[in-house]
Amino acid sequence: MTDDHPLTAQNVHHVGITVPDLDAAVDFFVEAIGCDELYRKGPFGDSEGRTMERRLDVHPDATASLAMLRWGRQ
């Protein structure tokens, strides 16, 4: 990358965004941005161990869920 040749991107494969309310975030991205919801997974957690605490620096009993959204071209 130089001043004569700036960095450009043609595609973004995926982005992860942490949100406090998954339902509200999905509603926003669908209604305001025009995304399509493809699927949801979770909740994920580790009630027997400390995986969530070690990997994500959250309470050991915390859980996480995800939603896959599509925006733009396929």
Protein backbone atom coordinates (compact mmCIF):
# COMPACT_ATOMS: atom_id res chain seq x y z
CA MET A 1 0.00 0.00 0.00
CA THR A 2 1.30 3.45 -0.96
CA ASP A 3 -0.22 6.89 -1.34
CA ASP A 4 -0.49 6.20 -5.09
CA HIS A 5 -2.06 2.76 -4.53
CA PRO A 6 -4.36 2.82 -1.48
CA LEU A 7 -5.54 -0.41 0.10
CA THR A 8 -8.92 -1.47 -1.30
CA ALA A 9 -11.25 -4.37 -0.59
CA GLN A 10 -13.73 -6.01 -2.93
CA ASN A 11 -15.23 -8.49 -0.47
CA VAL A 12 -15.54 -9.13 3.24
CA HIS A 13 -16.16 -12.77 4.14
CA HIS A 14 -17.44 -12.31 7.70
CA VAL A 15 -17.36 -10.01 10.68
CA GLY A 16 -18.08 -10.80 14.33
CA ILE A 17 -19.81 -8.21 16.50
CA THR A 18 -20.43 -8.70 20.22
CA VAL A 19 -23.80 -7.31 21.31
CA PRO A 20 -25.68 -7.36 24.64
CA ASP A 21 -29.03 -8.30 23.01
CA LEU A 22 -28.88 -10.66 20.03
CA ASP A 23 -32.58 -10.33 19.14
CA ALA A 24 -32.40 -6.53 19.08
CA ALA A 25 -29.19 -6.59 17.03
CA VAL A 26 -30.65 -8.99 14.46
CA ASP A 27 -33.81 -6.86 14.22
CA PHE A 28 -31.68 -3.77 13.59
CA PHE A 29 -29.50 -5.36 10.92
CA VAL A 30 -32.53 -6.86 9.15
CA GLU A 31 -34.81 -3.79 9.34
CA ALA A 32 -32.34 -0.89 9.10
CA ILE A 33 -29.50 -2.34 7.02
CA GLY A 34 -31.40 -4.87 4.90
CA CYS A 35 -29.59 -8.04 5.95
CA ASP A 36 -31.09 -11.51 5.64
CA GLU A 37 -30.97 -13.76 8.70
CA LEU A 38 -29.59 -17.14 7.63
CA TYR A 39 -29.48 -19.05 10.92
CA ARG A 40 -28.82 -18.97 14.66
CA LYS A 41 -26.73 -21.29 16.82
CA GLY A 42 -26.37 -21.67 20.55
CA PRO A 43 -26.39 -21.08 23.34
CA PHE A 44 -22.86 -22.35 23.83
CA GLY A 45 -21.27 -22.65 27.22
CA ASP A 46 -19.26 -24.88 29.51
CA SER A 47 -21.20 -25.60 32.69
CA GLU A 48 -18.60 -28.19 33.75
CA GLY A 49 -15.46 -26.10 33.27
CA ARG A 50 -13.99 -22.66 32.80
CA THR A 51 -13.73 -22.46 29.01
CA MET A 52 -15.84 -19.30 28.69
CA GLU A 53 -13.77 -17.54 31.35
CA ARG A 54 -10.44 -18.56 29.80
CA ARG A 55 -11.33 -17.85 26.17
CA LEU A 56 -13.64 -14.85 26.45
CA ASP A 57 -12.82 -13.35 29.88
CA VAL A 58 -16.43 -13.67 31.06
CA HIS A 59 -18.09 -15.42 34.00
CA PRO A 60 -17.50 -19.21 33.87
CA ASP A 61 -21.26 -19.85 33.63
CA ALA A 62 -21.77 -17.39 30.75
CA THR A 63 -23.23 -18.58 27.46
CA ALA A 64 -22.99 -17.22 23.93
CA SER A 65 -25.24 -17.46 20.90
CA LEU A 66 -24.67 -16.38 17.31
CA ALA A 67 -26.70 -15.31 14.33
CA MET A 68 -25.44 -15.50 10.75
CA LEU A 69 -26.67 -12.66 8.56
CA ARG A 70 -26.07 -11.96 4.89
CA TRP A 71 -25.68 -8.44 3.58
CA GLY A 72 -25.28 -7.66 -0.09
CA ARG A 73 -24.28 -10.05 -2.83
CA GLN A 74 -24.13 -13.77 -2.27
